[in-house]
C-alpha atoms as a PDB file:
ATOM      1  CA  MET A   1     -18.933  -2.909  32.112  1.00  0.00           C
ATOM      2  CA  GLU A   2     -20.896   0.351  31.945  1.00  0.00           C
ATOM      3  CA  ASP A   3     -20.801   3.487  34.089  1.00  0.00           C
ATOM      4  CA  GLN A   4     -23.796   5.243  35.652  1.00  0.00           C
ATOM      5  CA  ASN A   5     -24.447   7.166  32.433  1.00  0.00           C
ATOM      6  CA  ASN A   6     -24.545   3.935  30.403  1.00  0.00           C
ATOM      7  CA  ILE A   7     -21.380   4.889  28.503  1.00  0.00           C
ATOM      8  CA  PRO A   8     -19.499   1.653  27.736  1.00  0.00           C
ATOM      9  CA  HIS A   9     -15.910   1.411  28.924  1.00  0.00           C
ATOM     10  CA  ASN A  10     -13.210   0.579  26.425  1.00  0.00           C
ATOM     11  CA  GLN A  11     -10.205  -1.544  27.294  1.00  0.00           C
ATOM     12  CA  VAL A  12      -6.859  -0.598  25.778  1.00  0.00           C
ATOM     13  CA  PHE A  13      -3.982  -3.049  26.102  1.00  0.00           C
ATOM     14  CA  SER A  14      -0.386  -1.889  25.565  1.00  0.00           C
ATOM     15  CA  PRO A  15       1.908  -4.891  25.091  1.00  0.00           C
ATOM     16  CA  PHE A  16       5.685  -4.378  25.075  1.00  0.00           C
ATOM     17  CA  ASN A  17       6.435  -7.256  22.698  1.00  0.00           C
ATOM     18  CA  LEU A  18       4.762  -9.649  20.288  1.00  0.00           C
ATOM     19  CA  ALA A  19       4.452 -12.389  22.888  1.00  0.00           C
ATOM     20  CA  GLU A  20       2.390 -10.111  25.133  1.00  0.00           C
ATOM     21  CA  LEU A  21       0.395  -8.904  22.133  1.00  0.00           C
ATOM     22  CA  PHE A  22      -0.695 -12.409  21.217  1.00  0.00           C
ATOM     23  CA  THR A  23      -1.476 -13.186  24.866  1.00  0.00           C
ATOM     24  CA  PHE A  24      -3.893 -10.248  25.004  1.00  0.00           C
ATOM     25  CA  TRP A  25      -5.309 -11.088  21.587  1.00  0.00           C
ATOM     26  CA  ASN A  26      -5.913 -14.702  22.582  1.00  0.00           C
ATOM     27  CA  ARG A  27      -7.688 -13.598  25.760  1.00  0.00           C
ATOM     28  CA  PHE A  28      -9.787 -10.958  23.990  1.00  0.00           C
ATOM     29  CA  PRO A  29     -10.177 -12.237  20.404  1.00  0.00           C
ATOM     30  CA  ASP A  30     -12.475  -9.368  19.418  1.00  0.00           C
ATOM     31  CA  SER A  31      -9.681  -6.850  20.029  1.00  0.00           C
ATOM     32  CA  VAL A  32      -8.781  -4.413  17.260  1.00  0.00           C
ATOM     33  CA  LEU A  33      -5.096  -3.658  16.669  1.00  0.00           C
ATOM     34  CA  PHE A  34      -4.116  -0.033  16.158  1.00  0.00           C
ATOM     35  CA  ALA A  35      -1.011   2.123  15.928  1.00  0.00           C
ATOM     36  CA  GLY A  36      -1.528   5.694  14.658  1.00  0.00           C
ATOM     37  CA  GLY A  37      -5.302   5.352  14.846  1.00  0.00           C
ATOM     38  CA  THR A  38      -5.946   7.396  11.698  1.00  0.00           C
ATOM     39  CA  ASP A  39      -8.164   4.706  10.206  1.00  0.00           C
ATOM     40  CA  LEU A  40     -10.119   4.200  13.437  1.00  0.00           C
ATOM     41  CA  LEU A  41     -10.890   7.895  13.813  1.00  0.00           C
ATOM     42  CA  ARG A  42     -11.445   8.758  10.161  1.00  0.00           C
ATOM     43  CA  GLY A  43     -14.613  10.771   9.702  1.00  0.00           C
ATOM     44  CA  GLN A  44     -15.386  11.047  13.421  1.00  0.00           C
ATOM     45  CA  THR A  45     -16.112  14.655  14.323  1.00  0.00           C
ATOM     46  CA  GLY A  46     -17.985  14.325  17.625  1.00  0.00           C
ATOM     47  CA  ARG A  47     -16.562  15.122  21.060  1.00  0.00           C
ATOM     48  CA  ILE A  48     -16.710  11.426  22.015  1.00  0.00           C
ATOM     49  CA  PHE A  49     -15.093   8.958  19.639  1.00  0.00           C
ATOM     50  CA  SER A  50     -16.779   5.687  18.783  1.00  0.00           C
ATOM     51  CA  LEU A  51     -14.221   2.951  19.426  1.00  0.00           C
ATOM     52  CA  PRO A  52     -14.183  -0.844  19.555  1.00  0.00           C
ATOM     53  CA  LYS A  53     -14.728  -2.379  22.986  1.00  0.00           C
ATOM     54  CA  ASN A  54     -11.210  -3.825  23.137  1.00  0.00           C
ATOM     55  CA  LEU A  55      -8.117  -2.260  21.587  1.00  0.00           C
ATOM     56  CA  ILE A  56      -4.515  -3.415  21.415  1.00  0.00           C
ATOM     57  CA  SER A  57      -2.022  -0.598  20.937  1.00  0.00           C
ATOM     58  CA  LEU A  58       1.107  -1.372  18.911  1.00  0.00           C
ATOM     59  CA  ASP A  59       2.873   1.778  20.067  1.00  0.00           C
ATOM     60  CA  LYS A  60       5.222   0.052  22.550  1.00  0.00           C
ATOM     61  CA  VAL A  61       5.987  -3.059  20.484  1.00  0.00           C
ATOM     62  CA  GLU A  62       9.532  -2.217  19.415  1.00  0.00           C
ATOM     63  CA  GLU A  63       9.774  -5.339  17.233  1.00  0.00           C
ATOM     64  CA  LEU A  64       7.285  -3.684  14.884  1.00  0.00           C
ATOM     65  CA  LYS A  65       9.296  -0.458  14.637  1.00  0.00           C
ATOM     66  CA  LYS A  66      12.634  -1.837  13.526  1.00  0.00           C
ATOM     67  CA  TYR A  67      14.129  -1.563  10.058  1.00  0.00           C
ATOM     68  CA  SER A  68      17.100  -3.167   8.356  1.00  0.00           C
ATOM     69  CA  ARG A  69      18.821  -3.018   5.007  1.00  0.00           C
ATOM     70  CA  THR A  70      20.886  -5.525   3.072  1.00  0.00           C
ATOM     71  CA  GLU A  71      22.379  -5.259  -0.408  1.00  0.00           C
ATOM     72  CA  ARG A  72      19.162  -6.657  -1.837  1.00  0.00           C
ATOM     73  CA  HIS A  73      16.292  -5.672   0.467  1.00  0.00           C
ATOM     74  CA  LEU A  74      14.920  -3.034   2.795  1.00  0.00           C
ATOM     75  CA  GLU A  75      12.797  -4.381   5.663  1.00  0.00           C
ATOM     76  CA  LEU A  76      10.393  -2.061   7.472  1.00  0.00           C
ATOM     77  CA  GLY A  77       8.516  -2.808  10.672  1.00  0.00           C
ATOM     78  CA  ALA A  78       4.781  -2.471  10.152  1.00  0.00           C
ATOM     79  CA  ALA A  79       4.416   0.080  12.987  1.00  0.00           C
ATOM     80  CA  LEU A  80       6.888   2.562  11.489  1.00  0.00           C
ATOM     81  CA  CYS A  81       5.039   5.788  10.751  1.00  0.00           C
ATOM     82  CA  LEU A  82       5.171   7.102   7.199  1.00  0.00           C
ATOM     83  CA  SER A  83       7.174  10.199   8.144  1.00  0.00           C
ATOM     84  CA  ASP A  84       9.808   8.103   9.892  1.00  0.00           C
ATOM     85  CA  ILE A  85      10.218   6.009   6.746  1.00  0.00           C
ATOM     86  CA  ILE A  86      10.916   9.141   4.716  1.00  0.00           C
ATOM     87  CA  ARG A  87      13.421  10.266   7.329  1.00  0.00           C
ATOM     88  CA  LEU A  88      15.441   7.085   6.794  1.00  0.00           C
ATOM     89  CA  GLY A  89      16.846   8.863   3.748  1.00  0.00           C
ATOM     90  CA  LYS A  90      18.404   7.377   0.638  1.00  0.00           C
ATOM     91  CA  ILE A  91      18.007   3.755   1.735  1.00  0.00           C
ATOM     92  CA  VAL A  92      14.273   4.062   0.934  1.00  0.00           C
ATOM     93  CA  PRO A  93      13.340   3.515  -2.737  1.00  0.00           C
ATOM     94  CA  GLU A  94      12.476   6.807  -4.418  1.00  0.00           C
ATOM     95  CA  ALA A  95       9.187   5.427  -5.725  1.00  0.00           C
ATOM     96  CA  LEU A  96       8.041   4.642  -2.173  1.00  0.00           C
ATOM     97  CA  VAL A  97       9.040   8.112  -0.959  1.00  0.00           C
ATOM     98  CA  THR A  98       7.128   9.689  -3.860  1.00  0.00           C
ATOM     99  CA  ILE A  99       3.931   7.841  -2.985  1.00  0.00           C
ATOM    100  CA  ILE A 100       4.232   8.430   0.770  1.00  0.00           C
ATOM    101  CA  ASN A 101       4.648  12.172   0.192  1.00  0.00           C
ATOM    102  CA  ALA A 102       1.377  12.133  -1.756  1.00  0.00           C
ATOM    103  CA  ILE A 103      -0.572  10.598   1.154  1.00  0.00           C
ATOM    104  CA  GLY A 104      -2.584  13.002   3.300  1.00  0.00           C
ATOM    105  CA  ASN A 105      -0.598  15.786   4.946  1.00  0.00           C
ATOM    106  CA  PRO A 106       2.384  15.921   7.335  1.00  0.00           C
ATOM    107  CA  ARG A 107       0.134  15.489  10.385  1.00  0.00           C
ATOM    108  CA  ILE A 108      -1.402  12.345   8.950  1.00  0.00           C
ATOM    109  CA  ARG A 109       1.994  10.980   7.890  1.00  0.00           C
ATOM    110  CA  ASN A 110       3.344  11.571  11.407  1.00  0.00           C
ATOM    111  CA  LEU A 111       0.654   9.261  12.789  1.00  0.00           C
ATOM    112  CA  ALA A 112      -0.192   6.767  10.071  1.00  0.00           C
ATOM    113  CA  THR A 113       1.956   3.629   9.905  1.00  0.00           C
ATOM    114  CA  ILE A 114       2.890   1.643   6.833  1.00  0.00           C
ATOM    115  CA  GLY A 115       1.075  -1.421   8.179  1.00  0.00           C
ATOM    116  CA  GLY A 116      -2.032   0.627   8.918  1.00  0.00           C
ATOM    117  CA  ALA A 117      -1.974   2.170   5.443  1.00  0.00           C
ATOM    118  CA  ILE A 118      -1.766  -1.303   3.910  1.00  0.00           C
ATOM    119  CA  MET A 119      -4.687  -2.466   6.054  1.00  0.00           C
ATOM    120  CA  SER A 120      -6.858   0.623   5.495  1.00  0.00           C
ATOM    121  CA  THR A 121     -10.498  -0.311   4.920  1.00  0.00           C
ATOM    122  CA  HIS A 122     -11.686   3.071   3.695  1.00  0.00           C
ATOM    123  CA  ARG A 123     -10.119   3.075   0.251  1.00  0.00           C
ATOM    124  CA  TYR A 124      -7.563   1.156  -1.722  1.00  0.00           C
ATOM    125  CA  SER A 125      -4.386   2.451  -0.115  1.00  0.00           C
ATOM    126  CA  ASP A 126      -2.083   4.438  -2.364  1.00  0.00           C
ATOM    127  CA  LEU A 127       0.720   2.246  -1.043  1.00  0.00           C
ATOM    128  CA  HIS A 128      -0.645  -0.900  -2.663  1.00  0.00           C
ATOM    129  CA  ALA A 129       0.316   0.205  -6.167  1.00  0.00           C
ATOM    130  CA  VAL A 130       3.940   1.001  -5.329  1.00  0.00           C
ATOM    131  CA  LEU A 131       4.460  -2.046  -3.109  1.00  0.00           C
ATOM    132  CA  ILE A 132       3.080  -4.367  -5.793  1.00  0.00           C
ATOM    133  CA  ALA A 133       5.181  -2.640  -8.459  1.00  0.00           C
ATOM    134  CA  LEU A 134       8.291  -2.980  -6.270  1.00  0.00           C
ATOM    135  CA  ASP A 135       7.574  -6.719  -5.756  1.00  0.00           C
ATOM    136  CA  ALA A 136       7.301  -6.238  -1.993  1.00  0.00           C
ATOM    137  CA  THR A 137       6.354  -9.057   0.363  1.00  0.00           C
ATOM    138  CA  TYR A 138       4.707  -8.957   3.793  1.00  0.00           C
ATOM    139  CA  GLU A 139       5.420 -11.133   6.805  1.00  0.00           C
ATOM    140  CA  LEU A 140       2.191 -12.467   8.309  1.00  0.00           C
ATOM    141  CA  LYS A 141       2.933 -13.322  11.930  1.00  0.00           C
ATOM    142  CA  SER A 142       0.726 -15.309  14.294  1.00  0.00           C
ATOM    143  CA  ALA A 143       1.364 -16.615  17.793  1.00  0.00           C
ATOM    144  CA  ALA A 144       2.591 -19.942  16.408  1.00  0.00           C
ATOM    145  CA  SER A 145       4.216 -19.159  13.063  1.00  0.00           C
ATOM    146  CA  SER A 146       5.103 -16.633  10.388  1.00  0.00           C
ATOM    147  CA  ARG A 147       5.134 -16.652   6.604  1.00  0.00           C
ATOM    148  CA  TRP A 148       5.633 -14.260   3.704  1.00  0.00           C
ATOM    149  CA  ILE A 149       3.067 -13.263   1.108  1.00  0.00           C
ATOM    150  CA  SER A 150       3.418 -11.081  -1.986  1.00  0.00           C
ATOM    151  CA  ALA A 151       1.886  -7.606  -1.918  1.00  0.00           C
ATOM    152  CA  SER A 152      -0.267  -8.451  -4.943  1.00  0.00           C
ATOM    153  CA  LYS A 153      -1.746 -11.552  -3.313  1.00  0.00           C
ATOM    154  CA  PHE A 154      -2.360  -9.669  -0.092  1.00  0.00           C
ATOM    155  CA  VAL A 155      -4.495  -7.037  -1.829  1.00  0.00           C
ATOM    156  CA  THR A 156      -6.941  -9.709  -2.985  1.00  0.00           C
ATOM    157  CA  ALA A 157      -6.863 -12.093  -0.009  1.00  0.00           C
ATOM    158  CA  GLY A 158      -4.984 -10.414   2.835  1.00  0.00           C
ATOM    159  CA  ALA A 159      -7.779  -9.402   5.191  1.00  0.00           C
ATOM    160  CA  ASP A 160      -9.319 -12.876   5.059  1.00  0.00           C
ATOM    161  CA  LEU A 161      -5.935 -14.515   5.602  1.00  0.00           C
ATOM    162  CA  LEU A 162      -5.178 -12.384   8.653  1.00  0.00           C
ATOM    163  CA  GLN A 163      -8.534 -13.179  10.198  1.00  0.00           C
ATOM    164  CA  GLU A 164      -8.275 -16.872   9.395  1.00  0.00           C
ATOM    165  CA  GLU A 165      -4.748 -17.211  10.772  1.00  0.00           C
ATOM    166  CA  LYS A 166      -5.188 -14.716  13.646  1.00  0.00           C
ATOM    167  CA  ALA A 167      -2.118 -12.924  12.331  1.00  0.00           C
ATOM    168  CA  LEU A 168      -0.858  -9.406  11.741  1.00  0.00           C
ATOM    169  CA  ILE A 169       1.537  -7.828   9.257  1.00  0.00           C
ATOM    170  CA  SER A 170       4.844  -7.568  11.118  1.00  0.00           C
ATOM    171  CA  ARG A 171       7.353  -6.623   8.388  1.00  0.00           C
ATOM    172  CA  ILE A 172       7.427  -5.325   4.843  1.00  0.00           C
ATOM    173  CA  ARG A 173      10.330  -6.472   2.658  1.00  0.00           C
ATOM    174  CA  ILE A 174      11.122  -4.378  -0.431  1.00  0.00           C
ATOM    175  CA  PRO A 175      13.690  -5.326  -3.113  1.00  0.00           C
ATOM    176  CA  LEU A 176      16.165  -2.501  -3.721  1.00  0.00           C
ATOM    177  CA  THR A 177      15.758  -1.855  -7.432  1.00  0.00           C
ATOM    178  CA  SER A 178      16.589   1.664  -8.592  1.00  0.00           C
ATOM    179  CA  TRP A 179      14.196   3.303 -11.046  1.00  0.00           C
ATOM    180  CA  ASN A 180      15.259   6.372 -13.005  1.00  0.00           C
ATOM    181  CA  TYR A 181      11.793   7.340 -14.254  1.00  0.00           C
ATOM    182  CA  ILE A 182       8.678   7.500 -12.068  1.00  0.00           C
ATOM    183  CA  PHE A 183       5.197   8.702 -12.968  1.00  0.00           C
ATOM    184  CA  HIS A 184       2.150   8.337 -10.761  1.00  0.00           C
ATOM    185  CA  LYS A 185      -1.368   9.706 -10.742  1.00  0.00           C
ATOM    186  CA  LYS A 186      -4.256   9.484  -8.292  1.00  0.00           C
ATOM    187  CA  ILE A 187      -7.608   9.034 -10.002  1.00  0.00           C
ATOM    188  CA  GLY A 188     -11.075   9.834  -8.677  1.00  0.00           C
ATOM    189  CA  ASP A 189     -12.228  11.366  -5.393  1.00  0.00           C
ATOM    190  CA  LEU A 190      -9.157  11.397  -3.156  1.00  0.00           C
ATOM    191  CA  HIS A 191     -11.083  11.856   0.094  1.00  0.00           C
ATOM    192  CA  ARG A 192     -13.741   9.149  -0.112  1.00  0.00           C
ATOM    193  CA  ASP A 193     -14.147   5.498  -0.988  1.00  0.00           C
ATOM    194  CA  ASP A 194     -14.461   5.967  -4.712  1.00  0.00           C
ATOM    195  CA  PRO A 195     -15.216   2.880  -6.835  1.00  0.00           C
ATOM    196  CA  GLU A 196     -13.769   4.780  -9.773  1.00  0.00           C
ATOM    197  CA  GLY A 197     -10.661   5.834  -7.841  1.00  0.00           C
ATOM    198  CA  GLY A 198      -7.215   4.404  -7.339  1.00  0.00           C
ATOM    199  CA  THR A 199      -3.548   4.927  -8.091  1.00  0.00           C
ATOM    200  CA  PHE A 200      -1.709   4.532 -11.399  1.00  0.00           C
ATOM    201  CA  LEU A 201       2.041   3.974 -11.221  1.00  0.00           C
ATOM    202  CA  PHE A 202       4.662   3.783 -13.959  1.00  0.00           C
ATOM    203  CA  LEU A 203       8.243   2.762 -13.105  1.00  0.00           C
ATOM    204  CA  CYS A 204      10.968   2.541 -15.732  1.00  0.00           C
ATOM    205  CA  ASN A 205      14.713   2.041 -16.047  1.00  0.00           C
ATOM    206  CA  VAL A 206      16.459   3.471 -19.100  1.00  0.00           C
ATOM    207  CA  MET A 207      20.101   2.895 -20.052  1.00  0.00           C
ATOM    208  CA  LYS A 208      21.626   4.543 -23.109  1.00  0.00           C
ATOM    209  CA  ASN A 209      18.148   5.505 -24.348  1.00  0.00           C
ATOM    210  CA  THR A 210      16.952   1.885 -24.107  1.00  0.00           C
ATOM    211  CA  ILE A 211      14.235   0.629 -21.752  1.00  0.00           C
ATOM    212  CA  THR A 212      15.718  -2.142 -19.602  1.00  0.00           C
ATOM    213  CA  GLU A 213      12.864  -2.683 -17.124  1.00  0.00           C
ATOM    214  CA  ILE A 214       9.364  -1.310 -16.762  1.00  0.00           C
ATOM    215  CA  HIS A 215       6.341  -1.759 -14.484  1.00  0.00           C
ATOM    216  CA  LEU A 216       2.847  -0.354 -15.156  1.00  0.00           C
ATOM    217  CA  ILE A 217       0.069  -0.903 -12.639  1.00  0.00           C
ATOM    218  CA  PHE A 218      -3.269   0.467 -11.510  1.00  0.00           C
ATOM    219  CA  VAL A 219      -4.737  -0.432  -8.127  1.00  0.00           C
ATOM    220  CA  GLY A 220      -8.295   0.545  -7.281  1.00  0.00           C
ATOM    221  CA  SER A 221     -11.477  -1.492  -7.101  1.00  0.00           C
ATOM    222  CA  VAL A 222      -9.592  -3.798  -9.489  1.00  0.00           C
ATOM    223  CA  ILE A 223      -5.903  -4.395 -10.106  1.00  0.00           C
ATOM    224  CA  VAL A 224      -4.689  -3.908 -13.670  1.00  0.00           C
ATOM    225  CA  ARG A 225      -1.123  -4.998 -14.438  1.00  0.00           C
ATOM    226  CA  PHE A 226       0.061  -4.400 -17.994  1.00  0.00           C
ATOM    227  CA  LYS A 227       2.499  -7.333 -18.134  1.00  0.00           C
ATOM    228  CA  ASP A 228       2.335  -7.963 -21.895  1.00  0.00           C
ATOM    229  CA  VAL A 229       2.889  -4.269 -22.536  1.00  0.00           C
ATOM    230  CA  GLU A 230       5.843  -4.294 -20.119  1.00  0.00           C
ATOM    231  CA  THR A 231       7.400  -7.220 -21.980  1.00  0.00           C
ATOM    232  CA  ASN A 232       6.969  -5.519 -25.347  1.00  0.00           C
ATOM    233  CA  LEU A 233       8.488  -2.259 -24.112  1.00  0.00           C
ATOM    234  CA  VAL A 234      11.704  -3.789 -22.758  1.00  0.00           C
ATOM    235  CA  GLY A 235      14.462  -3.219 -25.330  1.00  0.00           C
ATOM    236  CA  GLN A 236      12.641  -0.349 -27.040  1.00  0.00           C
ATOM    237  CA  ASN A 237      14.517   2.888 -27.683  1.00  0.00           C
ATOM    238  CA  ILE A 238      13.199   6.207 -26.415  1.00  0.00           C
ATOM    239  CA  PRO A 239      11.642   8.415 -27.447  1.00  0.00           C
ATOM    240  CA  LEU A 240       9.170   5.908 -28.838  1.00  0.00           C
ATOM    241  CA  GLY A 241       8.343   6.299 -32.513  1.00  0.00           C
ATOM    242  CA  ASN A 242       4.807   7.184 -33.556  1.00  0.00           C
ATOM    243  CA  LYS A 243       4.072   3.725 -34.909  1.00  0.00           C
ATOM    244  CA  ASN A 244       5.424   2.044 -31.795  1.00  0.00           C
ATOM    245  CA  MET A 245       3.399   4.355 -29.580  1.00  0.00           C
ATOM    246  CA  GLU A 246       0.207   3.659 -31.504  1.00  0.00           C
ATOM    247  CA  THR A 247       0.689  -0.106 -31.184  1.00  0.00           C
ATOM    248  CA  ILE A 248       1.414   0.056 -27.447  1.00  0.00           C
ATOM    249  CA  LEU A 249      -1.534   2.343 -26.752  1.00  0.00           C
ATOM    250  CA  ALA A 250      -3.828   0.098 -28.783  1.00  0.00           C
ATOM    251  CA  ASN A 251      -2.736  -2.904 -26.672  1.00  0.00           C
ATOM    252  CA  CYS A 252      -3.319  -0.914 -23.489  1.00  0.00           C
ATOM    253  CA  SER A 253      -6.736   0.180 -24.700  1.00  0.00           C
ATOM    254  CA  ALA A 254      -7.724  -3.434 -25.425  1.00  0.00           C
ATOM    255  CA  LEU A 255      -6.647  -4.519 -21.940  1.00  0.00           C
ATOM    256  CA  LEU A 256      -8.527  -1.653 -20.301  1.00  0.00           C
ATOM    257  CA  GLU A 257     -11.699  -2.536 -22.210  1.00  0.00           C
ATOM    258  CA  GLU A 258     -11.346  -6.131 -21.016  1.00  0.00           C
ATOM    259  CA  LYS A 259     -10.641  -5.328 -17.349  1.00  0.00           C
ATOM    260  CA  LEU A 260     -12.879  -2.253 -17.013  1.00  0.00           C
ATOM    261  CA  SER A 261     -15.671  -2.985 -19.449  1.00  0.00           C
ATOM    262  CA  ASN A 262     -18.291  -1.225 -17.307  1.00  0.00           C
ATOM    263  CA  ASN A 263     -16.245   1.832 -16.414  1.00  0.00           C
ATOM    264  CA  GLN A 264     -15.655   4.279 -19.229  1.00  0.00           C
ATOM    265  CA  PHE A 265     -14.313   6.926 -16.843  1.00  0.00           C
ATOM    266  CA  LEU A 266     -11.482   4.718 -15.620  1.00  0.00           C
ATOM    267  CA  GLN A 267     -10.702   3.485 -19.123  1.00  0.00           C
ATOM    268  CA  LYS A 268     -10.264   7.039 -20.404  1.00  0.00           C
ATOM    269  CA  SER A 269      -8.381   8.219 -17.294  1.00  0.00           C
ATOM    270  CA  LEU A 270      -5.891   5.353 -17.394  1.00  0.00           C
ATOM    271  CA  TYR A 271      -5.408   5.658 -21.150  1.00  0.00           C
ATOM    272  CA  ARG A 272      -4.421   9.316 -20.667  1.00  0.00           C
ATOM    273  CA  CYS A 273      -2.061   8.352 -17.812  1.00  0.00           C
ATOM    274  CA  ILE A 274      -0.294   5.753 -19.947  1.00  0.00           C
ATOM    275  CA  GLU A 275      -0.067   8.127 -22.905  1.00  0.00           C
ATOM    276  CA  THR A 276       1.493  10.803 -20.672  1.00  0.00           C
ATOM    277  CA  ALA A 277       3.901   8.394 -18.989  1.00  0.00           C
ATOM    278  CA  LEU A 278       5.179   7.010 -22.293  1.00  0.00           C
ATOM    279  CA  THR A 279       6.232  10.441 -23.508  1.00  0.00           C
ATOM    280  CA  PHE A 280       9.119  10.338 -20.965  1.00  0.00           C
END
């Protein structure tokens, strides 16, 4: 329906639970789900925002704002804003807190939700790297069923799966592994969709000067996981000897040439990140 000035009216539905949400979504299948709205309004500077015809607000769906913790996992509702996650305190893995604090500014973090950041279409979310590195899984919930999918699989197939199954991310489950060394670096233009941009993350556990567990990952226009390098580093003593360092960096360089053969900038940037991280 349009008014006398031919300005289209938008419909905003505010369900109180998931059952109502799926009822609205079934009735208006073109509806766009939103919580903080930071992705919807990104880049819009006019006095009148351009919005989808039908919107479903997640703000009142309490099921999507709950969190729980067991001895093994932390579960976060997808509609929890990033600032609220930080305010949960020590139950949140330090690596996740580090990445969240590097996203936008406090105003953005007060609005943006973890589910929205995962679903962001404007750039590869900084959260993808840490959630993949932490072996997180996402619950995909539809009106009829729910299932879990790994963070790494979601990055490559998630949007298509959600559309195909008419589902949304309802929960994020994160294993509670403590890491005593964290290094991360954003690469490229941080404010635009940059094909040469992304996030590098290095997580490591060291006991008695020996590496016991290590994860290296880059998430951008491609995902690079240095699994062979991780395997070779476990059991190594730190600081790494010169010969050891040369061998590891040579293996990393070979992998970067294979995965990023047409992108010299990313190859050099990631090589420097790895070199810096391995100095501990």
